[in-house]
Protein backbone atom coordinates (compact mmCIF):
# COMPACT_ATOMS: atom_id res chain seq x y z
CA MET A 1 -30.47 -3.42 -21.45
CA ALA A 2 -26.85 -3.04 -22.55
CA ALA A 3 -24.81 -0.31 -20.90
CA PRO A 4 -24.09 2.77 -23.01
CA ALA A 5 -20.71 2.62 -24.72
CA MET A 6 -17.95 4.84 -23.46
CA GLU A 7 -17.78 8.00 -25.58
CA SER A 8 -14.61 8.40 -27.64
CA GLY A 9 -12.24 11.21 -26.77
CA ALA A 10 -13.11 11.22 -23.08
CA ARG A 11 -10.61 12.43 -20.49
CA VAL A 12 -9.61 9.34 -18.49
CA VAL A 13 -8.62 9.72 -14.83
CA ASP A 14 -7.34 6.39 -13.54
CA LEU A 15 -7.77 6.07 -9.78
CA ARG A 16 -7.74 2.28 -9.48
CA SER A 17 -4.33 2.18 -7.80
CA ASP A 18 -1.15 4.15 -7.15
CA THR A 19 0.75 1.34 -8.91
CA LEU A 20 -0.39 2.66 -12.30
CA THR A 21 2.04 5.59 -12.46
CA GLN A 22 4.41 6.08 -15.36
CA PRO A 23 8.05 7.14 -14.85
CA SER A 24 8.41 10.86 -15.48
CA PRO A 25 10.93 12.08 -18.09
CA ALA A 26 13.27 13.09 -15.26
CA MET A 27 12.96 9.66 -13.64
CA LYS A 28 13.67 7.98 -16.99
CA ALA A 29 16.72 10.18 -17.45
CA ALA A 30 18.00 9.12 -14.02
CA MET A 31 17.46 5.47 -14.94
CA MET A 32 19.34 5.84 -18.22
CA ALA A 33 22.25 7.60 -16.54
CA ALA A 34 22.63 5.14 -13.66
CA PRO A 35 26.01 3.42 -13.29
CA LEU A 36 25.48 -0.34 -13.34
CA GLY A 37 27.05 -3.56 -12.15
CA ASP A 38 26.01 -7.14 -11.35
CA ASP A 39 23.88 -6.93 -8.23
CA VAL A 40 24.00 -10.70 -7.62
CA PHE A 41 27.74 -10.14 -7.13
CA GLY A 42 26.88 -7.14 -4.95
CA GLU A 43 28.56 -4.85 -7.48
CA ASP A 44 25.81 -2.56 -8.74
CA PRO A 45 26.68 0.88 -7.36
CA THR A 46 23.19 2.31 -7.87
CA VAL A 47 21.54 -0.58 -6.02
CA ILE A 48 24.06 -0.15 -3.22
CA ALA A 49 23.28 3.57 -3.07
CA LEU A 50 19.52 2.88 -2.87
CA GLN A 51 19.96 0.31 -0.12
CA GLU A 52 22.15 2.64 1.92
CA LYS A 53 19.67 5.47 1.40
CA VAL A 54 16.71 3.44 2.65
CA ALA A 55 18.64 2.00 5.59
CA LYS A 56 19.57 5.52 6.67
CA LEU A 57 16.02 6.79 6.12
CA LEU A 58 14.58 4.04 8.32
CA GLU A 59 17.49 4.08 10.80
CA LYS A 60 18.19 0.39 10.22
CA GLU A 61 21.60 -1.23 9.84
CA ALA A 62 21.12 -2.50 6.30
CA ALA A 63 18.63 -2.86 3.45
CA LEU A 64 18.03 -5.02 0.39
CA PHE A 65 16.42 -4.19 -2.97
CA VAL A 66 13.81 -6.74 -4.09
CA PRO A 67 11.56 -6.87 -7.17
CA THR A 68 8.18 -6.65 -5.42
CA GLY A 69 6.48 -5.91 -2.14
CA THR A 70 5.03 -9.42 -2.01
CA MET A 71 8.53 -10.89 -2.28
CA GLY A 72 9.75 -8.44 0.33
CA ASN A 73 7.10 -9.60 2.79
CA LEU A 74 7.76 -13.26 1.99
CA ILE A 75 11.49 -12.84 2.58
CA CYS A 76 10.95 -11.08 5.89
CA VAL A 77 8.43 -13.63 7.19
CA PHE A 78 10.60 -16.57 6.10
CA ASN A 79 13.69 -14.98 7.64
CA HIS A 80 11.96 -14.59 11.00
CA CYS A 81 10.33 -18.04 10.77
CA ARG A 82 13.16 -20.35 9.81
CA ASN A 83 11.43 -23.45 11.17
CA ARG A 84 8.46 -24.88 9.28
CA GLY A 85 5.43 -24.87 11.53
CA SER A 86 6.19 -21.41 12.85
CA GLU A 87 3.19 -19.15 13.35
CA VAL A 88 2.62 -15.51 12.44
CA LEU A 89 0.03 -13.29 14.14
CA LEU A 90 -1.43 -10.70 11.75
CA GLY A 91 -4.58 -8.77 10.94
CA ASN A 92 -7.41 -10.59 9.18
CA LEU A 93 -7.58 -7.77 6.60
CA SER A 94 -3.83 -7.40 6.14
CA HIS A 95 -2.29 -7.45 2.68
CA ILE A 96 -0.09 -10.42 3.59
CA HIS A 97 -3.13 -12.44 4.61
CA VAL A 98 -5.65 -11.35 1.95
CA TRP A 99 -3.75 -10.36 -1.19
CA GLU A 100 -0.56 -12.45 -1.31
CA GLN A 101 -2.05 -15.85 -2.17
CA GLY A 102 -1.27 -17.30 1.23
CA GLY A 103 2.35 -17.41 0.16
CA ILE A 104 3.76 -17.61 3.67
CA SER A 105 2.04 -20.98 4.15
CA GLN A 106 2.05 -22.10 0.52
CA LEU A 107 5.79 -21.62 0.10
CA GLY A 108 7.20 -21.40 3.59
CA GLY A 109 5.13 -23.68 5.79
CA VAL A 110 4.32 -20.71 8.05
CA HIS A 111 0.96 -20.80 9.80
CA PRO A 112 -1.07 -17.54 9.85
CA ARG A 113 -3.24 -16.79 12.87
CA THR A 114 -5.40 -13.73 12.47
CA LEU A 115 -6.51 -10.97 14.78
CA ARG A 116 -9.57 -8.91 13.89
CA ASN A 117 -8.53 -5.65 12.29
CA LEU A 118 -10.32 -2.66 13.81
CA PRO A 119 -11.59 0.19 11.59
CA ASP A 120 -8.34 2.15 12.11
CA GLY A 121 -6.17 -0.76 10.90
CA THR A 122 -5.00 -1.75 14.39
CA PHE A 123 -5.98 -4.83 16.38
CA SER A 124 -6.48 -5.56 20.07
CA LEU A 125 -3.20 -5.99 21.91
CA LYS A 126 -5.10 -7.87 24.62
CA GLU A 127 -6.21 -10.32 21.93
CA LEU A 128 -2.61 -10.49 20.69
CA ARG A 129 -1.40 -11.59 24.12
CA GLN A 130 -4.16 -14.19 24.30
CA LEU A 131 -3.25 -15.72 20.93
CA VAL A 132 0.46 -16.25 21.64
CA ARG A 133 1.02 -20.01 21.91
CA GLY A 134 2.58 -21.70 24.89
CA ASP A 135 5.08 -24.56 24.79
CA ASN A 136 2.91 -27.42 23.61
CA PRO A 137 3.94 -30.00 20.98
CA HIS A 138 0.42 -29.93 19.51
CA TRP A 139 0.69 -26.28 18.49
CA PRO A 140 2.70 -24.26 16.01
CA VAL A 141 5.33 -21.95 17.51
CA THR A 142 4.33 -18.28 17.60
CA SER A 143 7.33 -16.53 16.04
CA LEU A 144 6.34 -13.17 14.54
CA VAL A 145 3.79 -10.35 14.54
CA CYS A 146 3.03 -8.48 11.28
CA VAL A 147 1.39 -5.08 10.88
CA GLU A 148 0.55 -2.92 7.85
CA ASN A 149 1.02 0.86 7.56
CA THR A 150 -0.82 2.50 5.89
CA HIS A 151 -3.60 -0.08 6.02
CA ASN A 152 -5.01 -0.68 2.56
CA MET A 153 -8.28 -2.43 3.41
CA ALA A 154 -8.98 0.14 6.12
CA GLY A 155 -8.91 2.87 3.47
CA GLY A 156 -5.31 4.04 3.81
CA LYS A 157 -5.48 4.50 7.57
CA VAL A 158 -2.28 5.43 9.43
CA LEU A 159 -1.51 3.30 12.48
CA PRO A 160 -1.50 5.62 15.51
CA LEU A 161 1.91 6.28 17.01
CA ALA A 162 0.72 5.50 20.53
CA TRP A 163 -0.57 2.11 19.39
CA LEU A 164 2.71 1.35 17.57
CA ASP A 165 4.64 2.19 20.73
CA GLU A 166 2.38 -0.05 22.83
CA LEU A 167 2.70 -2.81 20.22
CA GLY A 168 6.49 -2.56 20.44
CA SER A 169 6.43 -2.75 24.23
CA THR A 170 3.99 -5.68 24.16
CA CYS A 171 6.02 -7.68 21.65
CA ARG A 172 9.27 -7.06 23.52
CA SER A 173 7.68 -8.48 26.66
CA LEU A 174 6.48 -11.48 24.64
CA GLY A 175 9.86 -11.97 22.96
CA LEU A 176 8.33 -11.60 19.49
CA PRO A 177 9.77 -9.57 16.59
CA VAL A 178 7.53 -7.25 14.58
CA HIS A 179 7.57 -7.01 10.78
CA MET A 180 5.93 -4.00 9.16
CA ASP A 181 4.46 -4.25 5.70
CA GLY A 182 5.18 -0.61 4.95
CA ALA A 183 4.10 -0.65 1.32
CA ARG A 184 2.80 2.89 1.83
CA LEU A 185 4.92 3.76 4.85
CA MET A 186 5.99 7.05 3.29
CA ASN A 187 2.35 8.10 3.03
CA ALA A 188 1.94 7.35 6.73
CA ALA A 189 5.00 9.44 7.59
CA ALA A 190 3.74 12.31 5.45
CA ALA A 191 0.31 12.20 7.10
CA LEU A 192 1.78 12.27 10.61
CA GLU A 193 4.56 14.69 9.63
CA VAL A 194 7.19 12.50 11.27
CA PRO A 195 10.32 10.80 9.85
CA PRO A 196 9.62 7.30 8.48
CA ALA A 197 12.10 5.88 11.00
CA ARG A 198 9.80 6.92 13.84
CA LEU A 199 7.13 4.54 12.55
CA VAL A 200 9.41 1.50 12.42
CA ARG A 201 11.41 2.14 15.58
CA ASP A 202 10.14 -1.05 17.22
CA CYS A 203 10.09 -3.18 14.05
CA ALA A 204 12.75 -5.81 13.47
CA SER A 205 12.07 -5.65 9.75
CA VAL A 206 10.19 -3.48 7.29
CA SER A 207 9.28 -3.64 3.62
CA VAL A 208 8.79 -0.37 1.69
CA CYS A 209 7.30 -0.26 -1.81
CA LEU A 210 8.78 2.13 -4.37
CA SER A 211 6.03 1.61 -6.94
CA LYS A 212 3.04 2.51 -4.73
CA GLY A 213 2.57 6.24 -4.40
CA LEU A 214 6.25 6.98 -5.04
CA GLY A 215 5.95 6.55 -8.80
CA ALA A 216 8.81 4.13 -9.50
CA PRO A 217 7.99 1.42 -12.04
CA VAL A 218 9.38 -1.55 -10.08
CA GLY A 219 10.75 -2.53 -6.72
CA SER A 220 10.63 -2.61 -2.94
CA VAL A 221 13.28 -2.40 -0.25
CA ILE A 222 13.42 -4.40 2.97
CA ALA A 223 15.45 -3.26 5.97
CA GLY A 224 16.69 -4.66 9.27
CA THR A 225 19.91 -5.62 11.00
CA GLN A 226 23.05 -6.65 9.13
CA ASP A 227 22.47 -10.28 10.13
CA PHE A 228 18.84 -10.12 9.04
CA ILE A 229 19.74 -8.75 5.62
CA ARG A 230 22.42 -11.43 5.15
CA GLY A 231 19.70 -14.03 5.61
CA ALA A 232 17.33 -12.03 3.41
CA LEU A 233 19.91 -12.04 0.60
CA ARG A 234 19.94 -15.83 0.55
CA LEU A 235 16.15 -15.98 0.57
CA ARG A 236 15.91 -13.43 -2.25
CA LYS A 237 18.09 -15.69 -4.39
CA ALA A 238 16.00 -18.76 -3.55
CA LEU A 239 12.81 -16.93 -4.53
CA GLY A 240 14.26 -15.84 -7.88
CA GLY A 241 14.70 -12.22 -6.91
CA GLY A 242 18.38 -11.88 -7.68
CA MET A 243 18.58 -9.40 -10.57
CA ARG A 244 21.72 -8.44 -12.44
CA GLN A 245 22.15 -4.84 -13.67
CA ALA A 246 19.30 -3.79 -11.40
CA GLY A 247 20.64 -0.26 -10.95
CA VAL A 248 18.48 0.89 -13.84
CA LEU A 249 15.50 0.15 -11.57
CA ALA A 250 17.13 1.25 -8.33
CA ALA A 251 17.80 4.65 -9.90
CA ALA A 252 14.04 5.13 -10.26
CA GLY A 253 13.68 4.37 -6.56
CA ILE A 254 16.33 6.92 -5.61
CA TYR A 255 14.63 9.53 -7.76
CA ALA A 256 11.25 8.68 -6.20
CA LEU A 257 12.58 9.11 -2.67
CA ASP A 258 14.25 12.41 -3.53
CA HIS A 259 11.53 14.00 -5.66
CA VAL A 260 8.17 12.24 -5.22
CA MET A 261 8.18 11.40 -1.52
CA PRO A 262 8.34 15.10 -0.46
CA ALA A 263 5.13 15.76 -2.44
CA LEU A 264 2.94 12.98 -0.99
CA ALA A 265 0.96 15.46 1.11
CA ARG A 266 -0.37 16.89 -2.16
CA ASP A 267 -2.00 13.55 -2.98
CA HIS A 268 -3.55 13.41 0.48
CA ALA A 269 -4.97 16.91 0.04
CA PHE A 270 -6.50 15.92 -3.31
CA VAL A 271 -8.23 12.95 -1.69
CA ARG A 272 -9.63 15.12 1.09
CA THR A 273 -11.00 17.54 -1.51
CA ILE A 274 -12.81 14.71 -3.30
CA ALA A 275 -14.07 13.28 0.00
CA ARG A 276 -15.48 16.62 1.15
CA ALA A 277 -17.27 17.08 -2.15
CA VAL A 278 -18.89 13.63 -1.91
CA ASN A 279 -19.79 14.20 1.74
CA ASP A 280 -21.35 17.57 0.92
CA LEU A 281 -23.79 15.87 -1.45
CA GLY A 282 -25.50 14.35 1.57
CA SER A 283 -26.23 11.16 -0.34
CA LYS A 284 -27.68 8.17 1.48
CA VAL A 285 -26.77 5.83 -1.38
CA ILE A 286 -23.01 6.51 -1.61
CA THR A 287 -21.20 7.94 1.40
CA VAL A 288 -17.70 8.58 2.74
CA ASP A 289 -16.21 8.47 6.22
CA LEU A 290 -14.80 11.98 6.12
CA GLU A 291 -12.97 11.67 9.44
CA GLY A 292 -11.35 8.43 8.27
CA VAL A 293 -9.73 9.94 5.17
CA GLN A 294 -6.05 10.20 6.07
CA THR A 295 -3.81 9.50 3.08
CA ASN A 296 -4.15 8.85 -0.65
CA ILE A 297 -6.94 6.25 -0.50
CA LEU A 298 -10.67 7.02 -0.48
CA LEU A 299 -13.37 4.42 0.08
CA LEU A 300 -16.90 5.09 -1.16
CA GLU A 301 -19.43 3.14 0.89
CA CYS A 302 -22.40 1.85 -1.11
CA ASP A 303 -25.86 1.20 0.31
CA LEU A 304 -26.37 -2.28 -1.12
CA LYS A 305 -30.15 -1.85 -1.14
CA HIS A 306 -29.62 0.62 -3.98
CA VAL A 307 -26.26 0.02 -5.66
CA ARG A 308 -23.31 -2.36 -5.68
CA PRO A 309 -19.64 -1.30 -6.00
CA GLU A 310 -19.38 -3.03 -9.38
CA GLN A 311 -22.28 -0.94 -10.69
CA VAL A 312 -20.63 2.28 -9.52
CA CYS A 313 -17.34 1.38 -11.21
CA GLU A 314 -19.09 0.41 -14.44
CA ARG A 315 -21.06 3.66 -14.48
CA LEU A 316 -17.93 5.74 -13.88
CA LEU A 317 -16.54 4.23 -17.09
CA GLU A 318 -19.52 5.45 -19.12
CA VAL A 319 -20.07 8.84 -20.68
CA LYS A 320 -23.67 9.44 -21.67
CA LYS A 321 -24.78 12.11 -24.10
CA GLY A 322 -27.07 13.68 -21.52
CA GLU A 323 -24.18 13.78 -19.09
CA ILE A 324 -22.00 15.72 -21.53
CA LYS A 325 -24.82 18.16 -22.18
CA GLU A 326 -25.47 18.74 -18.48
CA THR A 327 -21.88 18.83 -17.17
CA GLY A 328 -20.04 20.14 -20.21
CA GLU A 329 -17.42 17.45 -19.61
CA GLU A 330 -16.53 14.10 -21.13
CA VAL A 331 -14.80 12.26 -18.32
CA VAL A 332 -14.12 8.62 -17.48
CA VAL A 333 -13.03 7.71 -13.94
CA ARG A 334 -11.50 4.31 -13.37
CA ALA A 335 -12.11 2.95 -9.87
CA LEU A 336 -11.89 -0.44 -8.18
CA PRO A 337 -14.52 -2.47 -6.29
CA MET A 338 -12.69 -3.09 -3.02
CA THR A 339 -15.08 -5.03 -0.80
CA GLU A 340 -18.67 -6.17 -1.13
CA SER A 341 -19.79 -2.64 -0.23
CA THR A 342 -16.91 -0.26 -1.05
CA VAL A 343 -15.32 1.36 -4.09
CA ARG A 344 -11.66 2.40 -3.84
CA LEU A 345 -10.18 5.56 -5.36
CA VAL A 346 -6.42 6.13 -5.07
CA VAL A 347 -4.70 9.42 -5.91
CA HIS A 348 -1.08 9.28 -7.06
CA CYS A 349 1.66 11.44 -8.51
CA ASP A 350 0.32 11.21 -12.08
CA ILE A 351 -2.95 12.88 -11.06
CA THR A 352 -2.92 16.60 -11.83
CA PRO A 353 -4.69 19.47 -10.06
CA GLU A 354 -6.88 19.78 -13.16
CA ASP A 355 -8.09 16.18 -12.73
CA ILE A 356 -9.65 16.74 -9.31
CA PRO A 357 -12.56 19.04 -10.34
CA LEU A 358 -13.30 16.63 -13.19
CA VAL A 359 -13.43 13.66 -10.81
CA ILE A 360 -15.69 15.59 -8.44
CA LYS A 361 -18.04 16.61 -11.22
CA LYS A 362 -18.22 13.01 -12.48
CA LEU A 363 -18.92 11.62 -9.00
CA ASP A 364 -21.51 14.30 -8.38
CA TYR A 365 -23.39 13.40 -11.55
CA VAL A 366 -23.17 9.63 -11.07
CA ILE A 367 -24.14 9.67 -7.38
CA LYS A 368 -27.16 11.86 -8.10
CA GLU A 369 -28.12 9.50 -10.92
CA PHE A 370 -28.11 6.54 -8.51
CA GLU A 371 -30.11 8.62 -6.02
CA ARG A 372 -32.86 9.01 -8.63
CA GLU A 373 -33.05 5.32 -9.45
């Protein structure tokens, strides 16, 4: 039987990702007013201002604006692993390993060796020590450790400070630098109520995304030492990331850091409200790990004996006539199948307080519908 068509005129709440945000009028005004120059010549004043701002925020010597988070991670890995055949230790569920097309090996000849990510996004430091290669010509050379904060596949988990400190101490003793994929680092800082620099204190490099959660349309910033960023600049050019009058984009990043970053806790509170409502239903078919909800990402766990994530997402796109009659609302919620058993919802700065009760009412109706089937 064909699925019912989506009713016209429905209120659409898009929770697939925090990359879907649109620049606000104030952000657009900042972009239009930005003084510009040729950034490949190092002459764009707005790009320079953004880079200095991020370097200061993270307490690093220098920073570099890049088009995307994937490019930022590639540049950092390549910069640490100058010799082909180098090896990176990283989580098996990390974004670099799962969602970036294996670019570190495909483009850079860097070998990934994975550690099992634990439910909180960390991995065993004992296992880390065991996986570091010795001096043997048969093996790649272990050269870097990568971590991710917040951890996307773990449902937006924040890496615990104590674990980060122990990781730093461990890697110093091993002589290995740490790179942090901090795509949502600002969410982690907001959740822990600490400065972002505290989270990257022991990291030789970090990549921060401006278009995830912060609402900018484009761009990431990588940070490290002056020498590291000099090498990163050359790699950015080689990867095609040298933009010209890029200040029009950098201005959006500056605005995001000044005006959106301070409000990230609001998004986290919205997610907790949705999670509590789902948890209160007491469903056995679709559940949430209430204690694990920490930032702007919510994972709905599906009992595969009854429903698959794809079915949940498809149903959330439908508005049935009986649903409108019973709920008094005509709402579409866009969500994303994340794993074989989970659906991901991500709250971002474009979601309004009025959207949250609508999302809850929609989830309530749909979950109860699956319970009856």
